[in-house]
N, C-alpha and C. Protein backbone atom coordinates (compact mmCIF):
# COMPACT_ATOMS: atom_id res chain seq x y z
N MET A 1 104.40 113.65 75.54
CA MET A 1 104.24 112.23 75.82
C MET A 1 103.72 112.06 77.24
N LEU A 2 102.79 111.13 77.41
CA LEU A 2 102.18 110.92 78.72
C LEU A 2 102.40 109.49 79.19
N SER A 3 102.56 109.33 80.49
CA SER A 3 102.57 108.02 81.14
C SER A 3 101.27 107.90 81.92
N ILE A 4 100.43 106.95 81.54
CA ILE A 4 99.14 106.73 82.19
C ILE A 4 99.22 105.44 82.98
N ARG A 5 99.11 105.54 84.31
CA ARG A 5 99.13 104.36 85.17
C ARG A 5 97.71 104.03 85.57
N PHE A 6 97.42 102.72 85.57
CA PHE A 6 96.06 102.29 85.89
C PHE A 6 96.08 100.90 86.51
N ALA A 7 94.98 100.57 87.17
CA ALA A 7 94.78 99.23 87.73
C ALA A 7 93.66 98.56 86.96
N ILE A 8 93.76 97.24 86.84
CA ILE A 8 92.72 96.48 86.16
C ILE A 8 92.35 95.30 87.03
N GLU A 9 91.05 95.12 87.25
CA GLU A 9 90.59 94.13 88.22
C GLU A 9 89.23 93.59 87.82
N GLY A 10 88.69 92.68 88.64
CA GLY A 10 87.38 92.12 88.35
C GLY A 10 87.39 91.35 87.04
N ASP A 11 86.23 91.28 86.40
CA ASP A 11 86.12 90.53 85.15
C ASP A 11 86.96 91.13 84.03
N LEU A 12 87.30 92.41 84.14
CA LEU A 12 88.06 93.06 83.07
C LEU A 12 89.47 92.48 82.95
N ARG A 13 89.95 91.78 83.98
CA ARG A 13 91.29 91.19 83.91
C ARG A 13 91.37 90.08 82.86
N PHE A 14 90.22 89.64 82.34
CA PHE A 14 90.22 88.58 81.35
C PHE A 14 90.31 89.11 79.91
N ILE A 15 90.39 90.43 79.72
CA ILE A 15 90.53 90.93 78.36
C ILE A 15 92.00 90.83 77.93
N SER A 16 92.21 90.74 76.64
CA SER A 16 93.56 90.54 76.10
C SER A 16 94.34 91.85 76.03
N HIS A 17 95.63 91.70 75.73
CA HIS A 17 96.49 92.86 75.53
C HIS A 17 95.94 93.75 74.40
N ARG A 18 95.58 93.13 73.30
CA ARG A 18 95.06 93.89 72.16
C ARG A 18 93.77 94.62 72.51
N ASP A 19 92.88 93.95 73.25
CA ASP A 19 91.62 94.59 73.63
C ASP A 19 91.84 95.73 74.62
N THR A 20 92.86 95.61 75.46
CA THR A 20 93.18 96.70 76.38
C THR A 20 93.62 97.94 75.62
N VAL A 21 94.46 97.74 74.60
CA VAL A 21 94.89 98.87 73.77
C VAL A 21 93.69 99.50 73.07
N ARG A 22 92.82 98.67 72.52
CA ARG A 22 91.63 99.20 71.83
C ARG A 22 90.72 99.95 72.78
N LEU A 23 90.60 99.44 74.01
CA LEU A 23 89.79 100.12 75.02
C LEU A 23 90.30 101.54 75.23
N PHE A 24 91.62 101.69 75.35
CA PHE A 24 92.18 103.02 75.56
C PHE A 24 92.10 103.88 74.30
N GLU A 25 92.23 103.28 73.14
CA GLU A 25 92.07 104.06 71.91
C GLU A 25 90.70 104.73 71.88
N ARG A 26 89.66 103.97 72.20
CA ARG A 26 88.30 104.52 72.19
C ARG A 26 88.11 105.54 73.30
N ALA A 27 88.64 105.23 74.51
CA ALA A 27 88.47 106.15 75.64
C ALA A 27 89.17 107.48 75.38
N LEU A 28 90.39 107.44 74.84
CA LEU A 28 91.13 108.67 74.55
C LEU A 28 90.44 109.48 73.46
N ALA A 29 89.86 108.78 72.48
CA ALA A 29 89.14 109.49 71.41
C ALA A 29 87.90 110.18 71.97
N ARG A 30 87.14 109.48 72.81
CA ARG A 30 85.93 110.08 73.39
C ARG A 30 86.28 111.26 74.29
N ALA A 31 87.43 111.18 74.96
CA ALA A 31 87.86 112.27 75.85
C ALA A 31 88.51 113.41 75.08
N ALA A 32 88.63 113.28 73.76
CA ALA A 32 89.22 114.30 72.89
C ALA A 32 90.65 114.65 73.30
N ILE A 33 91.45 113.60 73.61
CA ILE A 33 92.86 113.80 73.94
C ILE A 33 93.63 113.85 72.61
N PRO A 34 94.52 114.83 72.42
CA PRO A 34 95.22 114.98 71.13
C PRO A 34 96.35 113.96 70.93
N VAL A 35 95.97 112.71 70.67
CA VAL A 35 96.94 111.63 70.50
C VAL A 35 97.55 111.71 69.10
N ARG A 36 98.86 111.54 69.02
CA ARG A 36 99.54 111.53 67.72
C ARG A 36 99.17 110.25 66.97
N MET A 37 98.92 110.37 65.68
CA MET A 37 98.59 109.22 64.84
C MET A 37 99.82 108.79 64.05
N SER A 38 99.90 107.52 63.78
CA SER A 38 100.99 107.00 62.96
C SER A 38 100.76 107.39 61.51
N THR A 39 101.79 107.27 60.69
CA THR A 39 101.67 107.57 59.28
C THR A 39 101.39 106.29 58.49
N GLY A 40 101.06 106.43 57.21
CA GLY A 40 100.82 105.26 56.39
C GLY A 40 99.36 105.14 55.98
N PHE A 41 99.02 103.99 55.39
CA PHE A 41 97.67 103.77 54.87
C PHE A 41 96.64 103.52 55.97
N ASN A 42 97.11 103.04 57.12
CA ASN A 42 96.18 102.73 58.21
C ASN A 42 96.67 103.38 59.50
N PRO A 43 96.53 104.72 59.60
CA PRO A 43 97.06 105.41 60.79
C PRO A 43 96.35 104.96 62.06
N ARG A 44 97.16 104.77 63.12
CA ARG A 44 96.64 104.36 64.42
C ARG A 44 97.23 105.26 65.49
N PRO A 45 96.54 105.39 66.61
CA PRO A 45 97.09 106.17 67.72
C PRO A 45 98.43 105.60 68.17
N THR A 46 99.41 106.46 68.42
CA THR A 46 100.74 105.99 68.84
C THR A 46 100.76 105.84 70.36
N MET A 47 100.60 104.62 70.79
CA MET A 47 100.58 104.29 72.22
C MET A 47 101.09 102.88 72.40
N SER A 48 101.53 102.57 73.60
CA SER A 48 102.04 101.23 73.86
C SER A 48 101.88 100.85 75.32
N LEU A 49 101.69 99.56 75.55
CA LEU A 49 101.74 98.98 76.89
C LEU A 49 103.08 98.25 76.98
N PRO A 50 104.06 98.80 77.70
CA PRO A 50 105.41 98.23 77.69
C PRO A 50 105.52 96.79 78.16
N LEU A 51 104.62 96.36 79.04
CA LEU A 51 104.70 95.00 79.56
C LEU A 51 103.32 94.36 79.49
N PRO A 52 103.03 93.61 78.42
CA PRO A 52 101.72 92.96 78.29
C PRO A 52 101.41 92.11 79.51
N ARG A 53 100.15 92.15 79.91
CA ARG A 53 99.67 91.42 81.09
C ARG A 53 99.05 90.11 80.64
N ALA A 54 99.33 89.04 81.36
CA ALA A 54 98.73 87.74 81.04
C ALA A 54 97.23 87.81 81.26
N VAL A 55 96.46 87.24 80.34
CA VAL A 55 95.01 87.23 80.47
C VAL A 55 94.61 86.51 81.75
N GLY A 56 93.75 87.13 82.53
CA GLY A 56 93.30 86.56 83.79
C GLY A 56 94.01 87.11 85.00
N VAL A 57 95.12 87.79 84.80
CA VAL A 57 95.89 88.36 85.91
C VAL A 57 95.45 89.80 86.17
N ALA A 58 95.02 90.08 87.39
CA ALA A 58 94.68 91.45 87.78
C ALA A 58 95.97 92.23 87.98
N SER A 59 95.87 93.56 88.03
CA SER A 59 97.09 94.36 88.19
C SER A 59 96.79 95.67 88.91
N ARG A 60 97.73 96.03 89.79
CA ARG A 60 97.66 97.33 90.46
C ARG A 60 98.68 98.30 89.87
N ASP A 61 99.39 97.90 88.81
CA ASP A 61 100.46 98.75 88.30
C ASP A 61 100.65 98.54 86.80
N GLU A 62 99.69 99.02 86.02
CA GLU A 62 99.81 98.98 84.55
C GLU A 62 100.24 100.36 84.06
N ARG A 63 100.90 100.37 82.92
CA ARG A 63 101.41 101.63 82.39
C ARG A 63 101.17 101.70 80.88
N LEU A 64 100.54 102.77 80.44
CA LEU A 64 100.31 103.04 79.03
C LEU A 64 101.08 104.30 78.66
N ILE A 65 101.87 104.23 77.59
CA ILE A 65 102.62 105.39 77.12
C ILE A 65 101.95 105.91 75.86
N VAL A 66 101.60 107.19 75.87
CA VAL A 66 100.85 107.81 74.78
C VAL A 66 101.63 109.00 74.24
N GLU A 67 101.80 109.06 72.94
CA GLU A 67 102.42 110.23 72.31
C GLU A 67 101.33 111.22 71.89
N LEU A 68 101.60 112.49 72.10
CA LEU A 68 100.62 113.54 71.78
C LEU A 68 101.09 114.36 70.59
N ARG A 69 100.15 114.93 69.87
CA ARG A 69 100.50 115.81 68.76
C ARG A 69 100.63 117.25 69.20
N GLU A 70 100.21 117.52 70.45
CA GLU A 70 100.35 118.85 71.04
C GLU A 70 100.38 118.72 72.55
N THR A 71 100.87 119.73 73.21
CA THR A 71 100.99 119.69 74.67
C THR A 71 99.61 119.64 75.33
N ALA A 72 99.50 118.84 76.36
CA ALA A 72 98.26 118.74 77.13
C ALA A 72 98.59 118.67 78.61
N ASP A 73 97.73 119.27 79.43
CA ASP A 73 97.93 119.26 80.87
C ASP A 73 97.55 117.88 81.43
N PRO A 74 98.48 117.18 82.10
CA PRO A 74 98.18 115.84 82.60
C PRO A 74 96.95 115.79 83.52
N ALA A 75 96.78 116.81 84.36
CA ALA A 75 95.62 116.83 85.26
C ALA A 75 94.32 116.92 84.47
N ASP A 76 94.33 117.72 83.40
CA ASP A 76 93.14 117.84 82.56
C ASP A 76 92.87 116.54 81.80
N VAL A 77 93.93 115.90 81.33
CA VAL A 77 93.77 114.61 80.66
C VAL A 77 93.16 113.59 81.60
N ALA A 78 93.65 113.54 82.83
CA ALA A 78 93.13 112.58 83.82
C ALA A 78 91.66 112.83 84.08
N ARG A 79 91.28 114.10 84.23
CA ARG A 79 89.88 114.44 84.50
C ARG A 79 88.98 114.01 83.35
N ARG A 80 89.41 114.28 82.12
CA ARG A 80 88.59 113.96 80.97
C ARG A 80 88.56 112.46 80.67
N LEU A 81 89.67 111.79 80.93
CA LEU A 81 89.76 110.37 80.62
C LEU A 81 89.02 109.51 81.62
N GLU A 82 89.03 109.92 82.88
CA GLU A 82 88.47 109.09 83.94
C GLU A 82 87.01 108.73 83.68
N GLY A 83 86.25 109.68 83.16
CA GLY A 83 84.83 109.42 82.90
C GLY A 83 84.57 108.52 81.72
N GLN A 84 85.61 108.17 80.96
CA GLN A 84 85.44 107.34 79.77
C GLN A 84 85.89 105.90 79.98
N LEU A 85 86.33 105.58 81.17
CA LEU A 85 86.86 104.24 81.43
C LEU A 85 85.79 103.34 82.04
N PRO A 86 85.78 102.06 81.69
CA PRO A 86 84.76 101.14 82.20
C PRO A 86 85.06 100.70 83.63
N GLY A 87 84.05 100.13 84.27
CA GLY A 87 84.25 99.55 85.59
C GLY A 87 85.26 98.44 85.52
N GLY A 88 86.10 98.34 86.54
CA GLY A 88 87.16 97.35 86.54
C GLY A 88 88.49 97.93 86.11
N LEU A 89 88.48 99.18 85.63
CA LEU A 89 89.73 99.84 85.26
C LEU A 89 89.79 101.17 86.01
N ARG A 90 90.78 101.29 86.90
CA ARG A 90 90.94 102.50 87.72
C ARG A 90 92.14 103.30 87.25
N LEU A 91 91.93 104.56 87.01
CA LEU A 91 93.03 105.45 86.64
C LEU A 91 93.79 105.82 87.91
N LEU A 92 95.11 105.61 87.92
CA LEU A 92 95.93 105.90 89.09
C LEU A 92 96.66 107.24 88.97
N SER A 93 97.20 107.52 87.78
CA SER A 93 97.90 108.79 87.58
C SER A 93 98.11 109.04 86.10
N VAL A 94 98.27 110.30 85.76
CA VAL A 94 98.66 110.72 84.42
C VAL A 94 99.81 111.70 84.59
N GLU A 95 100.97 111.41 84.00
CA GLU A 95 102.13 112.27 84.16
C GLU A 95 102.80 112.51 82.81
N ALA A 96 103.35 113.70 82.66
CA ALA A 96 104.15 114.00 81.47
C ALA A 96 105.47 113.26 81.58
N MET A 97 106.00 112.79 80.45
CA MET A 97 107.29 112.11 80.47
C MET A 97 108.09 112.52 79.24
N SER A 98 109.39 112.57 79.42
CA SER A 98 110.27 112.92 78.31
C SER A 98 110.59 111.68 77.49
N ARG A 99 111.10 111.86 76.30
CA ARG A 99 111.40 110.72 75.43
C ARG A 99 112.53 109.86 75.97
N ASP A 100 113.39 110.44 76.81
CA ASP A 100 114.50 109.65 77.36
C ASP A 100 114.19 109.10 78.75
N ALA A 101 112.93 109.21 79.18
CA ALA A 101 112.56 108.68 80.49
C ALA A 101 112.59 107.16 80.47
N ALA A 102 112.80 106.57 81.64
CA ALA A 102 112.84 105.11 81.76
C ALA A 102 111.48 104.52 81.40
N ARG A 103 111.45 103.68 80.37
CA ARG A 103 110.19 103.09 79.95
C ARG A 103 110.32 101.60 79.65
N HIS A 104 111.46 101.02 80.00
CA HIS A 104 111.70 99.61 79.72
C HIS A 104 111.51 98.80 81.01
N PRO A 105 110.53 97.89 81.03
CA PRO A 105 110.31 97.09 82.24
C PRO A 105 111.50 96.20 82.57
N ARG A 106 111.93 96.23 83.82
CA ARG A 106 113.09 95.45 84.27
C ARG A 106 112.70 94.30 85.20
N ALA A 107 111.69 94.51 86.01
CA ALA A 107 111.26 93.48 86.95
C ALA A 107 109.79 93.69 87.28
N VAL A 108 109.12 92.61 87.63
CA VAL A 108 107.70 92.70 87.96
C VAL A 108 107.42 91.82 89.17
N THR A 109 106.61 92.34 90.07
CA THR A 109 106.28 91.62 91.30
C THR A 109 104.82 91.18 91.27
N TYR A 110 104.61 89.91 91.65
CA TYR A 110 103.27 89.33 91.69
C TYR A 110 102.95 88.86 93.10
N GLU A 111 101.64 88.81 93.40
CA GLU A 111 101.16 88.24 94.65
C GLU A 111 99.98 87.33 94.38
N MET A 112 99.81 86.37 95.27
CA MET A 112 98.68 85.46 95.15
C MET A 112 98.29 85.00 96.55
N THR A 113 97.00 85.07 96.86
CA THR A 113 96.50 84.57 98.14
C THR A 113 96.34 83.06 98.05
N LEU A 114 96.94 82.36 98.99
CA LEU A 114 96.89 80.89 99.00
C LEU A 114 95.74 80.41 99.87
N GLU A 115 95.18 79.29 99.49
CA GLU A 115 94.20 78.63 100.33
C GLU A 115 94.95 77.91 101.45
N PRO A 116 94.33 77.75 102.64
CA PRO A 116 95.03 77.12 103.77
C PRO A 116 95.68 75.78 103.42
N ARG A 117 95.02 74.98 102.61
CA ARG A 117 95.56 73.66 102.25
C ARG A 117 96.78 73.75 101.33
N GLU A 118 97.00 74.92 100.73
CA GLU A 118 98.11 75.08 99.79
C GLU A 118 99.40 75.58 100.44
N VAL A 119 99.28 76.22 101.60
CA VAL A 119 100.40 76.97 102.17
C VAL A 119 101.63 76.10 102.39
N GLU A 120 101.48 74.98 103.07
CA GLU A 120 102.64 74.14 103.42
C GLU A 120 103.33 73.62 102.17
N SER A 121 102.54 73.14 101.20
CA SER A 121 103.12 72.61 99.97
C SER A 121 103.87 73.68 99.19
N VAL A 122 103.28 74.86 99.09
CA VAL A 122 103.93 75.95 98.34
C VAL A 122 105.21 76.39 99.05
N GLN A 123 105.21 76.43 100.39
CA GLN A 123 106.42 76.77 101.12
C GLN A 123 107.56 75.80 100.78
N ARG A 124 107.24 74.51 100.69
CA ARG A 124 108.27 73.51 100.35
C ARG A 124 108.78 73.73 98.93
N HIS A 125 107.87 73.99 98.00
CA HIS A 125 108.27 74.22 96.61
C HIS A 125 109.12 75.48 96.47
N VAL A 126 108.77 76.53 97.22
CA VAL A 126 109.55 77.77 97.19
C VAL A 126 110.97 77.52 97.69
N ALA A 127 111.10 76.82 98.80
CA ALA A 127 112.42 76.52 99.36
C ALA A 127 113.25 75.70 98.37
N ALA A 128 112.61 74.74 97.71
CA ALA A 128 113.32 73.90 96.74
C ALA A 128 113.77 74.72 95.54
N LEU A 129 112.90 75.59 95.04
CA LEU A 129 113.24 76.42 93.89
C LEU A 129 114.43 77.33 94.21
N LEU A 130 114.39 78.00 95.36
CA LEU A 130 115.45 78.94 95.71
C LEU A 130 116.78 78.25 95.97
N ALA A 131 116.72 76.96 96.32
CA ALA A 131 117.96 76.23 96.61
C ALA A 131 118.65 75.71 95.35
N GLN A 132 117.96 75.76 94.23
CA GLN A 132 118.51 75.21 93.00
C GLN A 132 119.10 76.31 92.10
N GLY A 133 120.05 75.92 91.28
CA GLY A 133 120.66 76.87 90.35
C GLY A 133 119.95 76.90 89.02
N SER A 134 119.14 75.87 88.75
CA SER A 134 118.45 75.79 87.47
C SER A 134 117.12 75.06 87.67
N VAL A 135 116.04 75.65 87.14
CA VAL A 135 114.72 75.02 87.19
C VAL A 135 114.09 75.23 85.82
N CYS A 136 113.99 74.18 85.03
CA CYS A 136 113.55 74.33 83.64
C CYS A 136 112.10 73.91 83.44
N VAL A 137 111.43 74.63 82.55
CA VAL A 137 110.08 74.28 82.13
C VAL A 137 110.06 74.21 80.61
N GLN A 138 109.07 73.50 80.07
CA GLN A 138 108.93 73.37 78.63
C GLN A 138 107.80 74.28 78.14
N ARG A 139 108.07 74.93 77.01
CA ARG A 139 107.08 75.81 76.40
C ARG A 139 107.06 75.54 74.89
N ARG A 140 105.88 75.56 74.31
CA ARG A 140 105.75 75.38 72.87
C ARG A 140 105.98 76.71 72.16
N ASP A 141 106.88 76.72 71.19
CA ASP A 141 107.09 77.92 70.38
C ASP A 141 105.87 78.13 69.50
N PRO A 142 105.21 79.31 69.59
CA PRO A 142 103.96 79.52 68.82
C PRO A 142 104.16 79.52 67.31
N LYS A 143 105.38 79.81 66.85
CA LYS A 143 105.63 79.85 65.41
C LYS A 143 106.00 78.47 64.84
N SER A 144 106.91 77.79 65.49
CA SER A 144 107.36 76.50 64.99
C SER A 144 106.62 75.32 65.60
N ASP A 145 105.92 75.56 66.73
CA ASP A 145 105.23 74.52 67.50
C ASP A 145 106.22 73.49 68.07
N ARG A 146 107.48 73.87 68.15
CA ARG A 146 108.47 72.99 68.74
C ARG A 146 108.63 73.31 70.23
N PRO A 147 108.98 72.32 71.04
CA PRO A 147 109.18 72.58 72.47
C PRO A 147 110.42 73.46 72.70
N ARG A 148 110.31 74.32 73.66
CA ARG A 148 111.42 75.22 74.00
C ARG A 148 111.64 75.15 75.50
N THR A 149 112.89 75.05 75.91
CA THR A 149 113.22 74.95 77.33
C THR A 149 113.51 76.33 77.91
N ILE A 150 112.83 76.67 79.01
CA ILE A 150 113.02 77.95 79.70
C ILE A 150 113.57 77.66 81.09
N ASP A 151 114.69 78.26 81.44
CA ASP A 151 115.24 78.14 82.80
C ASP A 151 114.63 79.24 83.66
N VAL A 152 113.75 78.85 84.53
CA VAL A 152 113.00 79.80 85.37
C VAL A 152 113.89 80.43 86.44
N ARG A 153 114.81 79.65 87.00
CA ARG A 153 115.52 80.09 88.22
C ARG A 153 116.29 81.40 88.07
N PRO A 154 117.06 81.65 86.99
CA PRO A 154 117.80 82.91 86.92
C PRO A 154 116.89 84.15 86.82
N LEU A 155 115.64 83.93 86.48
CA LEU A 155 114.72 85.06 86.32
C LEU A 155 113.92 85.36 87.59
N ILE A 156 114.06 84.52 88.61
CA ILE A 156 113.37 84.77 89.88
C ILE A 156 114.32 85.51 90.82
N ARG A 157 114.02 86.79 91.08
CA ARG A 157 114.89 87.58 91.95
C ARG A 157 114.66 87.27 93.42
N ASP A 158 113.41 87.12 93.80
CA ASP A 158 113.09 86.74 95.18
C ASP A 158 111.70 86.13 95.20
N MET A 159 111.45 85.35 96.25
CA MET A 159 110.16 84.66 96.39
C MET A 159 109.99 84.26 97.84
N ALA A 160 108.76 84.41 98.34
CA ALA A 160 108.50 84.05 99.73
C ALA A 160 107.01 83.84 99.95
N VAL A 161 106.69 83.06 100.98
CA VAL A 161 105.31 82.92 101.45
C VAL A 161 105.25 83.56 102.82
N VAL A 162 104.41 84.59 102.94
CA VAL A 162 104.23 85.29 104.22
C VAL A 162 102.76 85.15 104.59
N ASP A 163 102.51 84.48 105.72
CA ASP A 163 101.14 84.15 106.13
C ASP A 163 100.50 83.35 105.01
N ASP A 164 99.47 83.88 104.39
CA ASP A 164 98.79 83.13 103.32
C ASP A 164 99.03 83.77 101.95
N ARG A 165 100.11 84.55 101.83
CA ARG A 165 100.39 85.25 100.57
C ARG A 165 101.70 84.77 99.97
N LEU A 166 101.61 84.37 98.71
CA LEU A 166 102.81 84.08 97.92
C LEU A 166 103.19 85.35 97.18
N ARG A 167 104.46 85.74 97.27
CA ARG A 167 104.92 86.96 96.60
C ARG A 167 106.27 86.66 95.94
N TRP A 168 106.38 87.05 94.68
CA TRP A 168 107.67 86.87 94.01
C TRP A 168 107.92 88.00 93.02
N THR A 169 109.21 88.24 92.78
CA THR A 169 109.63 89.23 91.79
C THR A 169 110.44 88.52 90.73
N GLN A 170 110.05 88.70 89.48
CA GLN A 170 110.78 88.07 88.38
C GLN A 170 111.33 89.13 87.44
N LEU A 171 112.48 88.86 86.90
CA LEU A 171 113.13 89.77 85.98
C LEU A 171 112.48 89.68 84.60
N VAL A 172 112.48 90.78 83.89
CA VAL A 172 111.94 90.82 82.53
C VAL A 172 113.09 90.62 81.56
N ASP A 173 113.03 89.56 80.80
CA ASP A 173 114.07 89.24 79.82
C ASP A 173 113.55 89.58 78.43
N PRO A 174 114.15 90.58 77.76
CA PRO A 174 113.67 90.97 76.42
C PRO A 174 113.65 89.83 75.42
N SER A 175 114.50 88.83 75.61
CA SER A 175 114.56 87.71 74.67
C SER A 175 113.48 86.67 74.93
N GLY A 176 112.70 86.87 75.98
CA GLY A 176 111.62 85.93 76.29
C GLY A 176 111.68 85.47 77.73
N GLY A 177 110.97 86.15 78.61
CA GLY A 177 111.02 85.84 80.03
C GLY A 177 110.08 84.72 80.41
N VAL A 178 109.94 84.52 81.71
CA VAL A 178 109.09 83.46 82.24
C VAL A 178 107.68 84.02 82.44
N LYS A 179 106.68 83.18 82.19
CA LYS A 179 105.29 83.56 82.36
C LYS A 179 104.84 83.24 83.79
N PRO A 180 103.92 84.05 84.36
CA PRO A 180 103.46 83.76 85.72
C PRO A 180 102.91 82.34 85.86
N GLY A 181 102.21 81.86 84.82
CA GLY A 181 101.67 80.51 84.88
C GLY A 181 102.75 79.45 84.96
N GLU A 182 103.91 79.71 84.36
CA GLU A 182 105.02 78.77 84.43
C GLU A 182 105.62 78.74 85.83
N VAL A 183 105.66 79.90 86.49
CA VAL A 183 106.14 79.94 87.87
C VAL A 183 105.19 79.15 88.77
N LEU A 184 103.90 79.33 88.58
CA LEU A 184 102.92 78.59 89.38
C LEU A 184 103.10 77.09 89.20
N ALA A 185 103.31 76.65 87.96
CA ALA A 185 103.47 75.22 87.68
C ALA A 185 104.65 74.63 88.44
N VAL A 186 105.76 75.39 88.51
CA VAL A 186 106.94 74.92 89.25
C VAL A 186 106.62 74.76 90.73
N LEU A 187 105.67 75.55 91.22
CA LEU A 187 105.30 75.50 92.64
C LEU A 187 104.17 74.52 92.91
N GLY A 188 103.81 73.72 91.90
CA GLY A 188 102.75 72.74 92.08
C GLY A 188 101.36 73.32 92.04
N LEU A 189 101.21 74.50 91.42
CA LEU A 189 99.91 75.17 91.32
C LEU A 189 99.51 75.24 89.85
N PRO A 190 98.54 74.45 89.40
CA PRO A 190 98.15 74.45 87.99
C PRO A 190 97.66 75.83 87.55
N ALA A 191 98.26 76.36 86.49
CA ALA A 191 97.91 77.71 86.03
C ALA A 191 96.43 77.82 85.68
N ARG A 192 95.88 76.78 85.09
CA ARG A 192 94.47 76.85 84.65
C ARG A 192 93.52 77.03 85.83
N ASP A 193 93.95 76.60 87.01
CA ASP A 193 93.10 76.71 88.20
C ASP A 193 93.45 77.91 89.08
N CYS A 194 94.66 78.43 88.93
CA CYS A 194 95.15 79.42 89.90
C CYS A 194 95.51 80.78 89.32
N LEU A 195 95.70 80.88 88.00
CA LEU A 195 96.21 82.13 87.43
C LEU A 195 95.28 83.30 87.71
N HIS A 196 93.98 83.06 87.77
CA HIS A 196 93.03 84.14 88.02
C HIS A 196 93.15 84.72 89.43
N ARG A 197 93.91 84.05 90.30
CA ARG A 197 94.12 84.54 91.66
C ARG A 197 95.40 85.36 91.79
N VAL A 198 96.16 85.45 90.71
CA VAL A 198 97.43 86.19 90.72
C VAL A 198 97.16 87.66 90.43
N GLU A 199 97.92 88.53 91.10
CA GLU A 199 97.81 89.97 90.88
C GLU A 199 99.20 90.57 90.69
N ARG A 200 99.34 91.35 89.65
CA ARG A 200 100.59 92.09 89.43
C ARG A 200 100.54 93.33 90.32
N VAL A 201 101.54 93.48 91.21
CA VAL A 201 101.48 94.57 92.18
C VAL A 201 102.48 95.68 91.91
N ARG A 202 103.55 95.40 91.16
CA ARG A 202 104.54 96.43 90.92
C ARG A 202 105.40 96.09 89.69
N VAL A 203 105.64 97.11 88.88
CA VAL A 203 106.55 96.97 87.75
C VAL A 203 107.67 97.98 87.90
N GLU A 204 108.92 97.52 87.78
CA GLU A 204 110.08 98.40 87.87
C GLU A 204 110.58 98.71 86.47
N PHE A 205 110.83 99.99 86.21
CA PHE A 205 111.29 100.41 84.89
C PHE A 205 112.71 100.92 84.96
N GLY A 206 113.41 100.82 83.82
CA GLY A 206 114.76 101.33 83.73
C GLY A 206 115.04 101.82 82.33
N ALA A 207 116.26 102.29 82.11
CA ALA A 207 116.65 102.78 80.78
C ALA A 207 116.95 101.61 79.87
N SER A 208 116.96 101.86 78.60
CA SER A 208 117.28 100.83 77.62
C SER A 208 118.70 100.35 77.79
N ALA A 209 118.90 99.05 77.56
CA ALA A 209 120.25 98.48 77.66
C ALA A 209 121.08 98.81 76.42
N ALA A 210 120.41 99.28 75.36
CA ALA A 210 121.12 99.57 74.11
C ALA A 210 121.95 100.84 74.23
């Protein structure tokens, strides 16, 4: 099993989670990496992105977990894979990992560069958010189309504005965490105008809670 870390930036940040997986399926096939296939009528490469990235958000810390059908040298995999990746996707590392290694995302840190006119307002919103015990947003359930209330505050571990940079760390809730765009909305920053300026900078992993 391999852990492949990569960064995604530029226009490529606008591709979906599904397209990112397909991109790697093709790249691994062209690089002749011995990926294990699933069983059944429609076998697919056994790989996963543990923490899907919101479309439009760049990232310096993405992780793809790939199961192999035979042992492969991580350095050789990195060398062969690197030449098959498109511009906008940088390979950071390829490492062997055991099946009991930490692979469950626990927290994720984001950053966003603020425009000068935004700094003071965002600082006020950050102070207000941190001072409250509950900050709720409304989200439409994609299956029922009914409104769903999400309490953002318990999922924000820390948040600050330093110079012209907004930085926050949010916890990953398996039952349905907060989206970066929802955090921006609470801070008075419309997601449709600002989400493309957000960058995921770090993901923390831990063992399964089960």
